[in-house]
Amino acid sequence: MKQLEVQIMGQSYLLGCPENGDARMLDAVNRVDIAMCKIRDAGKIKARDKIAVLAALNLAFELSEKVTESPVADAAPAAAGQLPSQPQLEALLHRLDAALGIDGQLL
């Protein structure tokens, strides 16, 4: 597994990335960064941990809408262009938790 150094809301993170997964990981990082910056820029919430939770909820909600709309929602594991399965999402969330730090804080 290789490592990627990325920036999310101006903070650097070193993330584990499967071989040949760079593009997908960078796309995910970009989506998270955009979601978090949008919440931050609205000006109502300042704490990074709360911004991260709200961004995660928004992204999960959007994903659940796409899964509900998709006729292949119960299909086999995600292939290129398809949405990830529940175990894949849980694994990604676990990896994000690990990347954000042992103490669970974004600051």
N, C-alpha and C. Protein backbone atom coordinates (compact mmCIF):
# COMPACT_ATOMS: atom_id res chain seq x y z
N MET A 1 0.86 -1.17 0.00
CA MET A 1 0.00 0.00 0.00
C MET A 1 0.90 1.23 0.00
N LYS A 2 0.61 2.16 -0.85
CA LYS A 2 1.40 3.38 -0.92
C LYS A 2 0.75 4.46 -0.08
N GLN A 3 1.45 5.55 0.12
CA GLN A 3 0.92 6.66 0.90
C GLN A 3 0.83 7.90 0.03
N LEU A 4 -0.22 8.67 0.27
CA LEU A 4 -0.42 9.94 -0.41
C LEU A 4 -0.49 11.04 0.63
N GLU A 5 0.20 12.13 0.37
CA GLU A 5 0.05 13.30 1.23
C GLU A 5 -0.96 14.22 0.57
N VAL A 6 -2.00 14.56 1.30
CA VAL A 6 -3.09 15.37 0.75
C VAL A 6 -3.38 16.53 1.69
N GLN A 7 -4.13 17.48 1.19
CA GLN A 7 -4.58 18.63 1.97
C GLN A 7 -6.10 18.60 2.02
N ILE A 8 -6.63 18.69 3.22
CA ILE A 8 -8.08 18.80 3.41
C ILE A 8 -8.30 20.01 4.31
N MET A 9 -9.00 20.98 3.80
CA MET A 9 -9.29 22.22 4.50
C MET A 9 -8.02 22.84 5.05
N GLY A 10 -6.97 22.81 4.22
CA GLY A 10 -5.72 23.45 4.56
C GLY A 10 -4.80 22.67 5.48
N GLN A 11 -5.17 21.47 5.86
CA GLN A 11 -4.35 20.66 6.76
C GLN A 11 -3.85 19.43 6.01
N SER A 12 -2.58 19.10 6.24
CA SER A 12 -1.97 17.95 5.57
C SER A 12 -2.32 16.65 6.27
N TYR A 13 -2.54 15.61 5.45
CA TYR A 13 -2.80 14.26 5.95
C TYR A 13 -1.99 13.29 5.10
N LEU A 14 -1.47 12.26 5.72
CA LEU A 14 -0.80 11.19 5.02
C LEU A 14 -1.74 9.99 5.04
N LEU A 15 -2.22 9.60 3.85
CA LEU A 15 -3.22 8.55 3.74
C LEU A 15 -2.65 7.32 3.06
N GLY A 16 -3.05 6.15 3.54
CA GLY A 16 -2.74 4.91 2.87
C GLY A 16 -3.63 4.78 1.65
N CYS A 17 -3.04 4.32 0.57
CA CYS A 17 -3.79 4.21 -0.69
C CYS A 17 -3.40 2.91 -1.39
N PRO A 18 -4.39 2.11 -1.79
CA PRO A 18 -4.06 0.89 -2.52
C PRO A 18 -3.38 1.22 -3.86
N GLU A 19 -2.56 0.30 -4.32
CA GLU A 19 -1.92 0.49 -5.63
C GLU A 19 -3.00 0.74 -6.68
N ASN A 20 -2.73 1.64 -7.58
CA ASN A 20 -3.64 2.01 -8.66
C ASN A 20 -4.92 2.66 -8.15
N GLY A 21 -4.95 3.10 -6.89
CA GLY A 21 -6.14 3.75 -6.35
C GLY A 21 -5.97 5.25 -6.19
N ASP A 22 -4.87 5.79 -6.72
CA ASP A 22 -4.57 7.21 -6.55
C ASP A 22 -5.70 8.12 -7.02
N ALA A 23 -6.18 7.87 -8.21
CA ALA A 23 -7.21 8.75 -8.79
C ALA A 23 -8.48 8.73 -7.94
N ARG A 24 -8.90 7.55 -7.53
CA ARG A 24 -10.12 7.44 -6.72
C ARG A 24 -9.93 8.10 -5.36
N MET A 25 -8.74 7.89 -4.74
CA MET A 25 -8.48 8.49 -3.44
C MET A 25 -8.44 10.01 -3.55
N LEU A 26 -7.78 10.53 -4.58
CA LEU A 26 -7.71 11.97 -4.76
C LEU A 26 -9.09 12.56 -5.04
N ASP A 27 -9.92 11.82 -5.76
CA ASP A 27 -11.30 12.27 -5.98
C ASP A 27 -12.06 12.32 -4.66
N ALA A 28 -11.88 11.31 -3.82
CA ALA A 28 -12.55 11.30 -2.51
C ALA A 28 -12.05 12.45 -1.64
N VAL A 29 -10.75 12.68 -1.65
CA VAL A 29 -10.18 13.79 -0.88
C VAL A 29 -10.76 15.11 -1.36
N ASN A 30 -10.85 15.27 -2.67
CA ASN A 30 -11.41 16.50 -3.23
C ASN A 30 -12.86 16.70 -2.81
N ARG A 31 -13.64 15.63 -2.82
CA ARG A 31 -15.04 15.73 -2.41
C ARG A 31 -15.16 16.13 -0.93
N VAL A 32 -14.33 15.51 -0.09
CA VAL A 32 -14.35 15.83 1.34
C VAL A 32 -13.90 17.27 1.56
N ASP A 33 -12.84 17.69 0.87
CA ASP A 33 -12.34 19.05 1.02
C ASP A 33 -13.40 20.07 0.61
N ILE A 34 -14.04 19.83 -0.52
CA ILE A 34 -15.09 20.75 -0.99
C ILE A 34 -16.23 20.81 0.02
N ALA A 35 -16.67 19.65 0.50
CA ALA A 35 -17.79 19.62 1.45
C ALA A 35 -17.43 20.35 2.74
N MET A 36 -16.22 20.12 3.25
CA MET A 36 -15.82 20.76 4.51
C MET A 36 -15.64 22.27 4.33
N CYS A 37 -15.03 22.68 3.23
CA CYS A 37 -14.82 24.11 2.99
C CYS A 37 -16.15 24.84 2.81
N LYS A 38 -17.09 24.18 2.17
CA LYS A 38 -18.42 24.79 1.98
C LYS A 38 -19.09 25.06 3.33
N ILE A 39 -19.00 24.10 4.24
CA ILE A 39 -19.59 24.27 5.58
C ILE A 39 -18.84 25.36 6.34
N ARG A 40 -17.50 25.32 6.29
CA ARG A 40 -16.70 26.33 6.97
C ARG A 40 -17.01 27.73 6.43
N ASP A 41 -17.10 27.85 5.11
CA ASP A 41 -17.32 29.15 4.48
C ASP A 41 -18.71 29.71 4.75
N ALA A 42 -19.65 28.85 5.12
CA ALA A 42 -20.99 29.34 5.49
C ALA A 42 -20.90 30.16 6.77
N GLY A 43 -19.83 29.95 7.55
CA GLY A 43 -19.55 30.80 8.69
C GLY A 43 -20.26 30.48 9.98
N LYS A 44 -21.11 29.49 10.02
CA LYS A 44 -21.87 29.21 11.23
C LYS A 44 -21.14 28.28 12.18
N ILE A 45 -20.23 27.45 11.64
CA ILE A 45 -19.54 26.45 12.46
C ILE A 45 -18.04 26.65 12.28
N LYS A 46 -17.32 26.70 13.39
CA LYS A 46 -15.88 26.93 13.35
C LYS A 46 -15.07 25.68 13.71
N ALA A 47 -15.59 24.80 14.54
CA ALA A 47 -14.83 23.63 15.01
C ALA A 47 -14.66 22.63 13.88
N ARG A 48 -13.39 22.25 13.62
CA ARG A 48 -13.09 21.34 12.53
C ARG A 48 -13.76 19.98 12.70
N ASP A 49 -13.86 19.51 13.94
CA ASP A 49 -14.48 18.19 14.15
C ASP A 49 -15.96 18.22 13.79
N LYS A 50 -16.64 19.30 14.13
CA LYS A 50 -18.06 19.41 13.78
C LYS A 50 -18.24 19.58 12.27
N ILE A 51 -17.34 20.34 11.66
CA ILE A 51 -17.39 20.50 10.20
C ILE A 51 -17.20 19.14 9.53
N ALA A 52 -16.26 18.35 10.04
CA ALA A 52 -15.99 17.02 9.46
C ALA A 52 -17.19 16.11 9.59
N VAL A 53 -17.83 16.12 10.76
CA VAL A 53 -19.01 15.27 10.97
C VAL A 53 -20.14 15.68 10.03
N LEU A 54 -20.39 16.97 9.92
CA LEU A 54 -21.46 17.44 9.03
C LEU A 54 -21.15 17.11 7.57
N ALA A 55 -19.90 17.28 7.17
CA ALA A 55 -19.52 16.94 5.79
C ALA A 55 -19.70 15.45 5.55
N ALA A 56 -19.30 14.61 6.51
CA ALA A 56 -19.46 13.16 6.36
C ALA A 56 -20.94 12.80 6.25
N LEU A 57 -21.77 13.41 7.07
CA LEU A 57 -23.21 13.14 7.00
C LEU A 57 -23.79 13.57 5.66
N ASN A 58 -23.40 14.74 5.18
CA ASN A 58 -23.89 15.21 3.88
C ASN A 58 -23.47 14.27 2.76
N LEU A 59 -22.20 13.85 2.77
CA LEU A 59 -21.72 12.94 1.72
C LEU A 59 -22.39 11.57 1.81
N ALA A 60 -22.57 11.07 3.03
CA ALA A 60 -23.26 9.78 3.20
C ALA A 60 -24.70 9.86 2.74
N PHE A 61 -25.37 10.98 3.03
CA PHE A 61 -26.75 11.16 2.60
C PHE A 61 -26.83 11.19 1.07
N GLU A 62 -25.91 11.94 0.44
CA GLU A 62 -25.89 11.99 -1.02
C GLU A 62 -25.65 10.60 -1.61
N LEU A 63 -24.74 9.85 -0.99
CA LEU A 63 -24.45 8.50 -1.47
C LEU A 63 -25.66 7.59 -1.31
N SER A 64 -26.36 7.71 -0.18
CA SER A 64 -27.53 6.86 0.03
C SER A 64 -28.63 7.19 -0.98
N GLU A 65 -28.74 8.46 -1.36
CA GLU A 65 -29.72 8.82 -2.38
C GLU A 65 -29.36 8.17 -3.72
N LYS A 66 -28.06 8.17 -4.06
CA LYS A 66 -27.63 7.56 -5.32
C LYS A 66 -27.85 6.05 -5.30
N VAL A 67 -27.59 5.42 -4.15
CA VAL A 67 -27.78 3.97 -4.03
C VAL A 67 -29.26 3.64 -4.16
N THR A 68 -30.12 4.45 -3.55
CA THR A 68 -31.56 4.22 -3.63
C THR A 68 -32.06 4.38 -5.05
N GLU A 69 -31.51 5.35 -5.78
CA GLU A 69 -31.92 5.59 -7.16
C GLU A 69 -31.36 4.56 -8.12
N SER A 70 -30.26 3.90 -7.75
CA SER A 70 -29.57 2.99 -8.65
C SER A 70 -30.26 1.63 -8.71
N PRO A 71 -30.55 1.12 -9.91
CA PRO A 71 -31.16 -0.21 -10.00
C PRO A 71 -30.18 -1.33 -9.68
N VAL A 72 -28.88 -1.03 -9.61
CA VAL A 72 -27.88 -2.04 -9.30
C VAL A 72 -27.37 -1.89 -7.87
N ALA A 73 -28.16 -1.30 -7.00
CA ALA A 73 -27.72 -1.04 -5.63
C ALA A 73 -27.37 -2.31 -4.88
N ASP A 74 -27.99 -3.44 -5.21
CA ASP A 74 -27.71 -4.68 -4.51
C ASP A 74 -26.78 -5.59 -5.31
N ALA A 75 -26.12 -5.02 -6.31
CA ALA A 75 -25.22 -5.81 -7.15
C ALA A 75 -23.94 -6.18 -6.41
N ALA A 76 -23.11 -6.97 -7.07
CA ALA A 76 -21.82 -7.42 -6.51
C ALA A 76 -20.93 -6.21 -6.24
N PRO A 77 -19.76 -6.44 -5.63
CA PRO A 77 -18.85 -5.33 -5.28
C PRO A 77 -18.66 -4.35 -6.41
N ALA A 78 -18.41 -3.12 -6.01
CA ALA A 78 -18.34 -2.03 -6.97
C ALA A 78 -17.25 -2.23 -8.01
N ALA A 79 -17.64 -2.05 -9.24
CA ALA A 79 -16.68 -2.04 -10.33
C ALA A 79 -16.43 -0.58 -10.68
N ALA A 80 -15.61 -0.35 -11.64
CA ALA A 80 -15.32 1.03 -12.03
C ALA A 80 -16.60 1.74 -12.41
N GLY A 81 -16.80 2.91 -11.83
CA GLY A 81 -17.98 3.69 -12.15
C GLY A 81 -19.19 3.39 -11.29
N GLN A 82 -19.15 2.35 -10.46
CA GLN A 82 -20.28 2.03 -9.60
C GLN A 82 -19.99 2.51 -8.19
N LEU A 83 -21.02 2.63 -7.39
CA LEU A 83 -20.87 3.07 -6.02
C LEU A 83 -20.34 1.93 -5.14
N PRO A 84 -19.56 2.27 -4.11
CA PRO A 84 -19.02 1.23 -3.22
C PRO A 84 -20.11 0.57 -2.39
N SER A 85 -19.84 -0.67 -1.98
CA SER A 85 -20.78 -1.41 -1.15
C SER A 85 -20.65 -0.96 0.31
N GLN A 86 -21.57 -1.39 1.15
CA GLN A 86 -21.54 -1.03 2.57
C GLN A 86 -20.23 -1.44 3.24
N PRO A 87 -19.72 -2.67 3.04
CA PRO A 87 -18.44 -3.02 3.66
C PRO A 87 -17.29 -2.13 3.17
N GLN A 88 -17.34 -1.75 1.89
CA GLN A 88 -16.30 -0.87 1.37
C GLN A 88 -16.39 0.50 2.02
N LEU A 89 -17.60 1.00 2.21
CA LEU A 89 -17.77 2.30 2.88
C LEU A 89 -17.28 2.24 4.32
N GLU A 90 -17.61 1.16 5.01
CA GLU A 90 -17.16 1.01 6.40
C GLU A 90 -15.64 0.93 6.46
N ALA A 91 -15.02 0.24 5.53
CA ALA A 91 -13.56 0.16 5.50
C ALA A 91 -12.95 1.53 5.23
N LEU A 92 -13.55 2.30 4.33
CA LEU A 92 -13.06 3.63 4.04
C LEU A 92 -13.21 4.54 5.25
N LEU A 93 -14.34 4.47 5.93
CA LEU A 93 -14.53 5.28 7.13
C LEU A 93 -13.51 4.91 8.20
N HIS A 94 -13.21 3.61 8.33
CA HIS A 94 -12.20 3.17 9.29
C HIS A 94 -10.83 3.75 8.92
N ARG A 95 -10.49 3.72 7.64
CA ARG A 95 -9.21 4.27 7.19
C ARG A 95 -9.15 5.78 7.40
N LEU A 96 -10.26 6.47 7.18
CA LEU A 96 -10.29 7.91 7.41
C LEU A 96 -10.12 8.23 8.90
N ASP A 97 -10.78 7.46 9.76
CA ASP A 97 -10.61 7.64 11.20
C ASP A 97 -9.15 7.47 11.59
N ALA A 98 -8.51 6.46 11.05
CA ALA A 98 -7.10 6.21 11.36
C ALA A 98 -6.23 7.35 10.85
N ALA A 99 -6.55 7.86 9.66
CA ALA A 99 -5.75 8.94 9.08
C ALA A 99 -5.91 10.25 9.83
N LEU A 100 -7.07 10.45 10.43
CA LEU A 100 -7.32 11.70 11.15
C LEU A 100 -6.63 11.75 12.51
N GLY A 101 -6.15 10.64 12.97
CA GLY A 101 -5.36 10.66 14.20
C GLY A 101 -5.91 9.76 15.27
N ILE A 102 -5.01 9.36 16.12
CA ILE A 102 -5.32 8.44 17.20
C ILE A 102 -6.32 9.06 18.17
N ASP A 103 -6.19 10.37 18.43
CA ASP A 103 -7.06 11.00 19.43
C ASP A 103 -8.45 11.34 18.88
N GLY A 104 -8.66 11.13 17.58
CA GLY A 104 -9.97 11.40 16.99
C GLY A 104 -10.25 12.86 16.76
N GLN A 105 -9.26 13.70 16.93
CA GLN A 105 -9.44 15.15 16.77
C GLN A 105 -8.87 15.60 15.43
N LEU A 106 -9.50 16.56 14.83
CA LEU A 106 -9.01 17.12 13.58
C LEU A 106 -8.05 18.28 13.82
N LEU A 107 -8.06 18.83 14.99
CA LEU A 107 -7.21 19.98 15.28
C LEU A 107 -5.84 19.57 15.71
